[in-house]
Amino acid sequence: MAKRIHLTELGCIACEELSELGAGKEGWLVNNPNILCALDSHSLALANRFLILIVNWGDPDAPRVKIRPDLSPIEAESITAIEWLVFDDVRVVVAGTSCGYLLVYSVAGDLIHKQMVHPSRILKIRVRGTKKDLIQETSSEEICIVMPGIIARFDGSNIQIMLQKWFQEQNSNFWDQKNRKGDVEDTGSLYQRLPYQIWNVNKNGVCVDATVTGVMPPPLLELQSSQRYYCAVTIGEDSVISAYRLSEDRGRSLVGAILSKVVPAAASTIASFSKLIWRSNDQSPKRKPEAKTQSFARASSLTCIKDYPRKGEKLTLSPSGTLAAITDSLGRILLLDTQALVVVRLWKGYRDASCVFMEMLAKKDKGKAVIHTEPVKSDYCLCLAIHAPRKGIIEVWQMRTGPRLLTIQCAKGSKLLQPVYRFGSNSSSSPYIPLEVFLLNGDSGQVSMLNRSLS
């Protein structure tokens, strides 16, 4: 009987430039919490606190690109999150900093956009989208920024328009070389601020990870409007799982509106009266104006699960947004139904585990004839790949209540990665692209893909 092969080797990222990230030591990829990874179809973006390195693992002769963001030394600013953005033939790298800035770079290392989201540490950049079909009534493509107790949402179409404009001007030589290589602040301010929504979700405790799961109906007894409501799931130390209803409306209550008008007016009156009594001749230099922050929209708490000393650690969302896999500090993995907001499955004994959703070819009935040659979406089944580093294995479980399909041995210095969501992909005319999962061996630099077939 032939031995089953569950991994397909694709390439290698080993290069001299990796030494600046700490490569060469055993376990450098997984033991250093400051090493961040983001995967595209054939490129890998790695970052530490002050450097971003882009490596093409499909072409070993391709040049490696180093990006050194202009970070604030006074505030000890560093890179805390990284992700790819892919719009058809446009590919850019997005980085988040500890001071709340969002940086967008081209694959050549040019700064495209810089924007303050909120003066707080950016923990995660999530890129996701859902297409309109028989199950999903609406389509949505978004970039979600996660900060401690805060969620921000950028619409994918706004970022796409900004990127198209930048690349068109680059191709037409609208800017001269001096302007394109100029000061970072000037480069980031060439475009208007991207519109976004932001919510405060720390009612049940500060979150360590969060995600917007999709559009949800408005609350009962509330007038229908054109505004959307979103559902958000957060995890943290105080609350293992919390869910919120997010509104686009930034309106406040009547009391809040009165206070917002009365308090500033009273403060202005007192300040003016003080200047009449005590005339100050202090000619202190004016400070540089700080970046304005956007006010929070309304966020209503839906449910909360507190189970001390259990703490939520990592969160992974399924492509449709209907399931979320959550790892906790007790070595358990919770499968959450994000629509019913109930835990539908539980795994035990997976400390320090990480999870990603993937799709595998389902076993066909022997009695059925094969009508089509190329697999379509209905031929795949949704699965959850669980990487248990302490056991040195990867397990693949069928969702929601299916059995364990695979157990794969892996090296200790390995990491599970998944290519970023591609905006505007999966059209009706193009072949269906299933969810893929890659395994990166940090010690050897080998990149492998988990096979989608069980045979």
Protein backbone atom coordinates (compact mmCIF):
# COMPACT_ATOMS: atom_id res chain seq x y z
CA MET A 1 0.00 0.00 0.00
CA ALA A 2 1.45 3.36 -1.05
CA LYS A 3 2.16 5.87 1.69
CA ARG A 4 -0.16 8.85 1.69
CA ILE A 5 1.47 12.21 1.07
CA HIS A 6 -0.36 15.08 2.71
CA LEU A 7 2.15 17.89 2.01
CA THR A 8 3.37 19.24 -1.31
CA GLU A 9 6.67 21.15 -1.25
CA LEU A 10 6.43 24.42 -3.19
CA GLY A 11 9.55 26.46 -2.55
CA CYS A 12 12.00 27.87 -0.05
CA ILE A 13 12.48 31.32 1.50
CA ALA A 14 16.04 30.76 2.78
CA CYS A 15 18.17 33.83 2.01
CA GLU A 16 20.79 36.03 3.64
CA GLU A 17 18.31 38.83 4.28
CA LEU A 18 16.46 36.68 6.82
CA SER A 19 19.37 37.01 9.22
CA GLU A 20 18.18 40.54 10.06
CA LEU A 21 14.97 38.99 11.38
CA GLY A 22 16.83 36.50 13.56
CA ALA A 23 16.93 33.52 11.20
CA GLY A 24 19.67 31.00 11.89
CA LYS A 25 18.60 30.20 15.42
CA GLU A 26 16.39 27.20 16.05
CA GLY A 27 12.75 28.19 16.46
CA TRP A 28 13.33 31.83 15.47
CA LEU A 29 10.02 32.00 13.61
CA VAL A 30 7.77 30.79 16.43
CA ASN A 31 9.67 31.71 19.61
CA ASN A 32 9.94 35.44 18.88
CA PRO A 33 6.52 37.14 19.34
CA ASN A 34 7.74 40.18 17.36
CA ILE A 35 8.12 38.16 14.13
CA LEU A 36 5.03 38.68 11.97
CA CYS A 37 4.09 36.80 8.79
CA ALA A 38 1.64 37.46 5.97
CA LEU A 39 1.20 35.19 2.94
CA ASP A 40 0.18 35.98 -0.62
CA SER A 41 -0.12 33.47 -3.47
CA HIS A 42 3.64 33.42 -4.11
CA SER A 43 5.10 36.00 -1.73
CA LEU A 44 5.75 36.15 1.97
CA ALA A 45 6.01 39.34 4.00
CA LEU A 46 7.91 39.02 7.26
CA ALA A 47 8.41 41.77 9.79
CA ASN A 48 10.02 42.45 13.10
CA ARG A 49 9.71 45.66 15.09
CA PHE A 50 11.43 47.92 12.55
CA LEU A 51 11.84 46.01 9.26
CA ILE A 52 9.56 44.47 6.61
CA LEU A 53 11.05 41.89 4.25
CA ILE A 54 9.22 40.67 1.12
CA VAL A 55 10.37 37.28 -0.22
CA ASN A 56 9.06 35.51 -3.32
CA TRP A 57 9.24 31.83 -2.42
CA GLY A 58 8.05 30.75 -5.88
CA ASP A 59 11.05 32.38 -7.62
CA PRO A 60 14.35 32.11 -5.69
CA ASP A 61 16.02 34.56 -8.11
CA ALA A 62 13.46 37.31 -7.50
CA PRO A 63 14.86 40.32 -5.61
CA ARG A 64 14.08 40.62 -1.92
CA VAL A 65 12.60 43.97 -0.88
CA LYS A 66 13.42 45.60 2.45
CA ILE A 67 11.09 48.25 3.86
CA ARG A 68 12.15 50.32 6.85
CA PRO A 69 9.18 52.45 7.95
CA ASP A 70 9.88 55.90 9.36
CA LEU A 71 8.80 55.27 12.95
CA SER A 72 8.79 57.69 15.87
CA PRO A 73 11.83 57.10 18.14
CA ILE A 74 10.38 59.36 20.83
CA GLU A 75 7.31 57.15 21.32
CA ALA A 76 9.27 53.91 20.68
CA GLU A 77 6.97 53.16 17.75
CA SER A 78 7.23 49.69 16.19
CA ILE A 79 5.50 47.42 13.69
CA THR A 80 2.81 45.36 15.43
CA ALA A 81 0.70 43.95 12.55
CA ILE A 82 1.15 43.13 8.87
CA GLU A 83 -1.03 41.87 6.02
CA TRP A 84 -1.33 41.79 2.23
CA LEU A 85 -4.00 43.55 0.17
CA VAL A 86 -4.69 42.05 -3.27
CA PHE A 87 -6.99 43.72 -5.81
CA ASP A 88 -6.78 41.79 -9.12
CA ASP A 89 -3.30 42.76 -10.36
CA VAL A 90 -2.61 45.28 -7.56
CA ARG A 91 -0.71 43.96 -4.56
CA VAL A 92 0.35 46.04 -1.56
CA VAL A 93 1.56 45.43 2.00
CA VAL A 94 -0.27 46.98 4.95
CA ALA A 95 1.43 47.47 8.31
CA GLY A 96 0.05 48.64 11.64
CA THR A 97 2.14 50.34 14.32
CA SER A 98 2.11 50.57 18.09
CA CYS A 99 1.01 54.22 17.84
CA GLY A 100 -2.11 53.44 15.81
CA TYR A 101 -0.88 54.32 12.31
CA LEU A 102 -1.84 52.35 9.21
CA LEU A 103 0.91 52.23 6.56
CA VAL A 104 0.38 51.04 2.98
CA TYR A 105 3.45 50.12 0.88
CA SER A 106 3.90 48.96 -2.69
CA VAL A 107 5.86 45.76 -3.37
CA ALA A 108 8.73 48.05 -4.42
CA GLY A 109 8.81 49.65 -0.97
CA ASP A 110 7.14 53.00 -1.78
CA LEU A 111 4.89 54.50 0.88
CA ILE A 112 1.42 54.89 -0.64
CA HIS A 113 -0.68 55.94 2.34
CA LYS A 114 -0.30 56.76 6.02
CA GLN A 115 -3.23 57.34 8.33
CA MET A 116 -3.88 57.49 12.04
CA VAL A 117 -6.71 55.12 13.01
CA HIS A 118 -6.63 55.63 16.79
CA PRO A 119 -3.76 56.35 19.20
CA SER A 120 -3.50 52.76 20.37
CA ARG A 121 -1.54 49.63 19.51
CA ILE A 122 -2.78 47.86 16.37
CA LEU A 123 -3.02 44.16 17.23
CA LYS A 124 -4.38 42.67 14.03
CA ILE A 125 -5.26 43.52 10.44
CA ARG A 126 -8.02 41.29 9.09
CA VAL A 127 -8.97 41.17 5.42
CA ARG A 128 -12.16 39.36 4.51
CA GLY A 129 -15.09 39.41 2.14
CA THR A 130 -18.34 37.62 1.41
CA LYS A 131 -20.00 37.32 -1.97
CA LYS A 132 -23.73 37.61 -2.58
CA ASP A 133 -25.22 34.16 -3.22
CA LEU A 134 -28.12 31.96 -2.13
CA ILE A 135 -26.93 32.05 1.48
CA GLN A 136 -25.49 35.57 1.72
CA GLU A 137 -28.07 38.26 0.95
CA THR A 138 -25.46 41.01 0.67
CA SER A 139 -21.82 41.21 -0.37
CA SER A 140 -19.17 42.84 1.78
CA GLU A 141 -15.41 43.35 1.45
CA GLU A 142 -13.59 45.00 4.31
CA ILE A 143 -10.38 45.54 6.23
CA CYS A 144 -10.82 45.23 9.98
CA ILE A 145 -8.31 46.85 12.36
CA VAL A 146 -8.18 45.40 15.88
CA MET A 147 -6.83 47.38 18.85
CA PRO A 148 -7.21 46.80 22.61
CA GLY A 149 -10.93 47.32 23.19
CA ILE A 150 -11.41 48.91 19.75
CA ILE A 151 -12.49 47.74 16.29
CA ALA A 152 -12.21 49.82 13.12
CA ARG A 153 -13.61 48.91 9.71
CA PHE A 154 -12.45 50.16 6.30
CA ASP A 155 -14.53 49.43 3.22
CA GLY A 156 -12.54 47.58 0.56
CA SER A 157 -13.87 49.72 -2.29
CA ASN A 158 -12.48 52.92 -0.76
CA ILE A 159 -9.00 51.44 -0.48
CA GLN A 160 -9.21 50.05 -4.00
CA ILE A 161 -10.05 53.48 -5.43
CA MET A 162 -7.13 55.03 -3.55
CA LEU A 163 -4.69 52.37 -4.82
CA GLN A 164 -5.90 52.63 -8.42
CA LYS A 165 -5.42 56.39 -8.33
CA TRP A 166 -1.89 56.04 -6.94
CA PHE A 167 -0.78 53.47 -9.50
CA GLN A 168 -2.32 55.45 -12.38
CA GLU A 169 -0.38 58.52 -11.33
CA GLN A 170 2.77 56.45 -10.98
CA ASN A 171 2.42 55.09 -14.51
CA SER A 172 1.70 58.50 -16.00
CA ASN A 173 4.66 60.11 -14.18
CA PHE A 174 2.34 62.61 -12.56
CA TRP A 175 4.74 62.96 -9.66
CA ASP A 176 8.40 63.59 -10.12
CA GLN A 177 10.98 61.49 -8.34
CA LYS A 178 11.51 64.09 -5.64
CA ASN A 179 7.88 64.11 -4.56
CA ARG A 180 7.64 60.33 -4.54
CA LYS A 181 10.76 59.98 -2.42
CA GLY A 182 10.01 62.93 -0.21
CA ASP A 183 9.16 63.19 3.44
CA VAL A 184 7.01 60.46 4.92
CA GLU A 185 4.51 62.88 6.39
CA ASP A 186 4.09 64.62 3.02
CA THR A 187 3.73 61.33 1.15
CA GLY A 188 1.06 60.09 3.52
CA SER A 189 -0.89 63.34 3.31
CA LEU A 190 -1.10 63.43 -0.48
CA TYR A 191 -4.43 61.64 -0.24
CA GLN A 192 -7.48 62.38 1.79
CA ARG A 193 -8.14 60.31 4.85
CA LEU A 194 -9.85 57.05 4.07
CA PRO A 195 -13.33 56.92 5.62
CA TYR A 196 -13.89 54.26 8.24
CA GLN A 197 -16.07 53.30 11.19
CA ILE A 198 -14.68 52.74 14.67
CA TRP A 199 -16.28 51.23 17.77
CA ASN A 200 -15.39 50.89 21.44
CA VAL A 201 -15.93 47.25 22.46
CA ASN A 202 -14.35 47.15 25.93
CA LYS A 203 -17.62 46.99 27.88
CA ASN A 204 -16.87 43.39 28.91
CA GLY A 205 -13.11 43.86 29.16
CA VAL A 206 -10.26 44.82 26.87
CA CYS A 207 -10.02 42.43 23.91
CA VAL A 208 -6.84 40.78 22.63
CA ASP A 209 -8.41 39.77 19.32
CA ALA A 210 -11.64 40.55 17.51
CA THR A 211 -13.37 40.39 14.16
CA VAL A 212 -16.41 41.70 12.34
CA THR A 213 -18.36 38.58 11.35
CA GLY A 214 -20.76 40.24 8.92
CA VAL A 215 -23.98 42.19 8.53
CA MET A 216 -26.77 41.53 11.03
CA PRO A 217 -30.40 42.70 11.31
CA PRO A 218 -31.23 45.79 13.39
CA PRO A 219 -32.58 45.37 16.93
CA LEU A 220 -36.27 44.79 17.52
CA LEU A 221 -38.63 47.75 17.82
CA GLU A 222 -36.18 50.01 16.00
CA LEU A 223 -37.12 51.95 12.91
CA GLN A 224 -35.73 50.62 9.66
CA SER A 225 -33.05 52.76 8.06
CA SER A 226 -30.48 52.59 5.31
CA GLN A 227 -27.67 52.14 7.84
CA ARG A 228 -26.06 48.75 8.30
CA TYR A 229 -25.53 46.87 11.52
CA TYR A 230 -22.54 44.55 11.98
CA CYS A 231 -21.86 41.73 14.39
CA ALA A 232 -18.47 41.65 16.13
CA VAL A 233 -16.93 38.90 18.25
CA THR A 234 -14.15 39.70 20.70
CA ILE A 235 -11.98 37.59 23.01
CA GLY A 236 -9.83 38.65 25.94
CA GLU A 237 -8.60 38.08 29.46
CA ASP A 238 -11.72 39.31 31.26
CA SER A 239 -14.20 37.73 28.88
CA VAL A 240 -13.49 34.57 26.88
CA ILE A 241 -16.10 35.49 24.25
CA SER A 242 -18.12 38.67 23.79
CA ALA A 243 -20.45 39.69 20.97
CA TYR A 244 -21.56 43.19 19.97
CA ARG A 245 -23.99 44.80 17.57
CA LEU A 246 -22.17 47.61 15.77
CA SER A 247 -24.07 50.53 14.30
CA GLU A 248 -22.85 52.98 11.66
CA ASP A 249 -24.65 55.75 13.53
CA ARG A 250 -22.40 57.92 15.71
CA GLY A 251 -25.40 59.61 17.30
CA ARG A 252 -25.54 59.86 21.06
CA SER A 253 -28.30 60.00 23.64
CA LEU A 254 -30.11 63.22 24.55
CA VAL A 255 -28.11 63.62 27.77
CA GLY A 256 -24.85 63.10 25.87
CA ALA A 257 -25.85 65.64 23.25
CA ILE A 258 -26.68 68.24 25.93
CA LEU A 259 -23.41 67.63 27.77
CA SER A 260 -21.44 67.85 24.53
CA LYS A 261 -22.86 71.33 23.98
CA VAL A 262 -22.92 72.66 27.56
CA VAL A 263 -19.53 71.48 28.83
CA PRO A 264 -17.38 72.94 26.00
CA ALA A 265 -19.32 76.22 26.15
CA ALA A 266 -18.85 76.47 29.92
CA ALA A 267 -15.16 75.65 29.65
CA SER A 268 -14.71 78.28 26.94
CA THR A 269 -16.46 80.92 29.07
CA ILE A 270 -14.31 80.15 32.12
CA ALA A 271 -11.14 80.23 30.04
CA SER A 272 -12.06 83.60 28.52
CA PHE A 273 -12.87 85.05 31.95
CA SER A 274 -9.55 83.78 33.32
CA LYS A 275 -7.63 85.51 30.53
CA LEU A 276 -9.29 88.84 31.42
CA ILE A 277 -8.19 88.55 35.04
CA TRP A 278 -4.74 87.02 34.55
CA ARG A 279 -3.15 88.23 31.36
CA SER A 280 -0.37 85.89 30.52
CA ASN A 281 2.68 87.00 28.58
CA ASP A 282 3.93 83.48 28.11
CA GLN A 283 5.14 83.13 24.54
CA SER A 284 5.74 79.36 24.59
CA PRO A 285 6.26 77.74 21.17
CA LYS A 286 3.25 76.10 19.63
CA ARG A 287 3.20 72.32 19.52
CA LYS A 288 2.70 70.40 16.33
CA PRO A 289 -1.03 69.61 16.02
CA GLU A 290 -1.81 65.98 16.75
CA ALA A 291 -3.73 63.81 14.31
CA LYS A 292 -7.46 64.08 14.86
CA THR A 293 -9.19 60.91 15.97
CA GLN A 294 -12.65 59.88 14.88
CA SER A 295 -15.46 59.56 17.38
CA PHE A 296 -16.80 56.12 18.22
CA ALA A 297 -20.02 54.77 16.75
CA ARG A 298 -22.56 52.89 18.83
CA ALA A 299 -21.75 49.36 20.00
CA SER A 300 -24.33 47.33 21.95
CA SER A 301 -23.34 44.26 23.92
CA LEU A 302 -25.21 41.09 22.87
CA THR A 303 -23.69 38.37 25.01
CA CYS A 304 -20.65 37.62 27.13
CA ILE A 305 -19.03 34.42 28.43
CA LYS A 306 -16.87 34.85 31.53
CA ASP A 307 -15.18 31.79 32.98
CA TYR A 308 -12.23 32.78 35.17
CA PRO A 309 -9.37 31.84 34.92
CA ARG A 310 -10.04 30.93 31.25
CA LYS A 311 -8.77 33.59 28.84
CA GLY A 312 -9.30 33.92 25.11
CA GLU A 313 -6.06 33.91 23.09
CA LYS A 314 -6.59 33.56 19.31
CA LEU A 315 -9.58 33.88 16.99
CA THR A 316 -10.07 32.54 13.46
CA LEU A 317 -13.11 33.25 11.31
CA SER A 318 -14.53 31.02 8.58
CA PRO A 319 -14.88 32.48 5.06
CA SER A 320 -18.64 32.97 5.37
CA GLY A 321 -18.30 34.41 8.86
CA THR A 322 -20.75 31.90 10.37
CA LEU A 323 -18.12 30.00 12.41
CA ALA A 324 -15.24 31.12 14.60
CA ALA A 325 -12.54 28.96 16.19
CA ILE A 326 -11.28 30.36 19.51
CA THR A 327 -8.30 29.06 21.49
CA ASP A 328 -8.08 29.73 25.23
CA SER A 329 -5.50 29.59 28.01
CA LEU A 330 -6.70 26.17 29.22
CA GLY A 331 -5.70 24.39 26.02
CA ARG A 332 -9.20 24.20 24.58
CA ILE A 333 -10.60 25.19 21.20
CA LEU A 334 -14.16 26.51 21.02
CA LEU A 335 -16.16 26.44 17.79
CA LEU A 336 -18.60 29.35 17.92
CA ASP A 337 -21.70 29.77 15.78
CA THR A 338 -21.52 33.53 15.18
CA GLN A 339 -25.17 33.81 14.17
CA ALA A 340 -26.73 31.93 17.10
CA LEU A 341 -23.82 33.01 19.38
CA VAL A 342 -23.49 29.56 20.94
CA VAL A 343 -20.52 27.18 21.19
CA VAL A 344 -21.29 24.14 19.02
CA ARG A 345 -18.08 22.14 19.48
CA LEU A 346 -15.15 21.82 21.90
CA TRP A 347 -11.68 20.28 21.64
CA LYS A 348 -9.43 19.71 24.67
CA GLY A 349 -5.69 19.26 25.09
CA TYR A 350 -4.37 21.80 22.53
CA ARG A 351 -2.20 24.27 24.43
CA ASP A 352 -0.56 27.01 22.35
CA ALA A 353 -2.54 25.81 19.33
CA SER A 354 -3.40 27.83 16.24
CA CYS A 355 -6.29 27.22 13.84
CA VAL A 356 -7.11 28.02 10.22
CA PHE A 357 -10.13 27.06 8.15
CA MET A 358 -9.53 25.19 4.90
CA GLU A 359 -11.51 23.31 2.25
CA MET A 360 -10.89 19.73 1.20
CA LEU A 361 -12.35 17.61 -1.55
CA ALA A 362 -15.16 15.56 -0.10
CA LYS A 363 -15.39 11.85 -0.84
CA LYS A 364 -17.81 11.22 -3.70
CA ASP A 365 -20.38 8.45 -3.67
CA LYS A 366 -19.20 5.52 -5.74
CA GLY A 367 -22.60 5.13 -7.36
CA LYS A 368 -22.70 8.69 -8.72
CA ALA A 369 -21.25 9.51 -12.10
CA VAL A 370 -18.82 12.41 -12.43
CA ILE A 371 -20.45 15.09 -14.59
CA HIS A 372 -17.78 17.80 -14.41
CA THR A 373 -14.02 17.45 -14.50
CA GLU A 374 -13.00 20.61 -12.64
CA PRO A 375 -14.07 20.66 -8.96
CA VAL A 376 -16.69 23.25 -8.08
CA LYS A 377 -17.56 24.78 -4.74
CA SER A 378 -20.03 22.02 -3.85
CA ASP A 379 -17.27 19.41 -4.15
CA TYR A 380 -15.41 20.84 -1.16
CA CYS A 381 -16.19 20.51 2.51
CA LEU A 382 -15.21 23.04 5.16
CA CYS A 383 -12.57 21.83 7.62
CA LEU A 384 -10.55 23.18 10.51
CA ALA A 385 -6.78 22.65 10.57
CA ILE A 386 -5.42 22.64 14.12
CA HIS A 387 -1.69 23.04 14.64
CA ALA A 388 -0.63 21.64 18.02
CA PRO A 389 3.06 22.64 18.38
CA ARG A 390 3.56 20.77 21.67
CA LYS A 391 2.48 17.55 19.97
CA GLY A 392 4.26 18.36 16.71
CA ILE A 393 1.18 17.56 14.61
CA ILE A 394 -1.50 19.13 12.44
CA GLU A 395 -5.02 17.73 12.64
CA VAL A 396 -7.75 18.38 10.09
CA TRP A 397 -11.36 18.12 11.32
CA GLN A 398 -14.48 18.31 9.20
CA MET A 399 -17.01 20.98 10.14
CA ARG A 400 -19.26 21.23 12.01
CA THR A 401 -19.52 17.86 13.68
CA GLY A 402 -17.47 15.72 11.30
CA PRO A 403 -14.61 13.37 12.18
CA ARG A 404 -10.87 13.93 12.16
CA LEU A 405 -9.73 13.44 8.58
CA LEU A 406 -5.95 13.81 8.80
CA THR A 407 -3.04 13.83 11.23
CA ILE A 408 0.20 15.26 9.82
CA GLN A 409 3.59 15.33 11.53
CA CYS A 410 5.44 18.67 11.37
CA ALA A 411 8.66 20.19 12.68
CA LYS A 412 8.72 22.23 15.89
CA GLY A 413 9.68 25.49 14.19
CA SER A 414 6.73 25.41 11.78
CA LYS A 415 3.85 27.82 11.35
CA LEU A 416 0.48 27.52 9.62
CA LEU A 417 -0.28 30.29 7.13
CA GLN A 418 -3.13 31.08 4.77
CA PRO A 419 -3.12 33.29 1.66
CA VAL A 420 -4.94 36.56 2.11
CA TYR A 421 -8.43 37.08 0.72
CA ARG A 422 -8.35 38.41 -2.85
CA PHE A 423 -10.76 41.27 -3.48
CA GLY A 424 -13.04 40.85 -6.47
CA SER A 425 -12.10 37.18 -6.96
CA ASN A 426 -14.28 34.09 -7.32
CA SER A 427 -16.45 35.47 -10.10
CA SER A 428 -18.99 33.20 -11.75
CA SER A 429 -16.88 32.80 -14.91
CA SER A 430 -13.58 31.93 -13.18
CA PRO A 431 -12.92 28.50 -11.62
CA TYR A 432 -13.53 28.22 -7.90
CA ILE A 433 -10.45 28.75 -5.74
CA PRO A 434 -10.76 26.80 -2.48
CA LEU A 435 -9.27 27.81 0.85
CA GLU A 436 -5.65 26.69 0.97
CA VAL A 437 -3.34 26.22 3.94
CA PHE A 438 0.44 26.45 3.81
CA LEU A 439 3.07 25.23 6.25
CA LEU A 440 6.24 27.29 6.70
CA ASN A 441 9.20 25.54 8.33
CA GLY A 442 11.17 28.40 9.81
CA ASP A 443 14.27 26.32 10.53
CA SER A 444 14.68 25.08 6.93
CA GLY A 445 12.75 27.82 5.09
CA GLN A 446 10.66 25.23 3.25
CA VAL A 447 7.14 26.21 2.16
CA SER A 448 4.62 23.37 1.72
CA MET A 449 0.91 23.17 1.01
CA LEU A 450 -1.58 20.85 2.67
CA ASN A 451 -3.12 18.65 0.00
CA ARG A 452 -6.84 19.12 -0.53
CA SER A 453 -7.53 15.50 -1.43
CA LEU A 454 -7.82 12.69 1.08
CA SER A 455 -6.63 10.04 -1.35
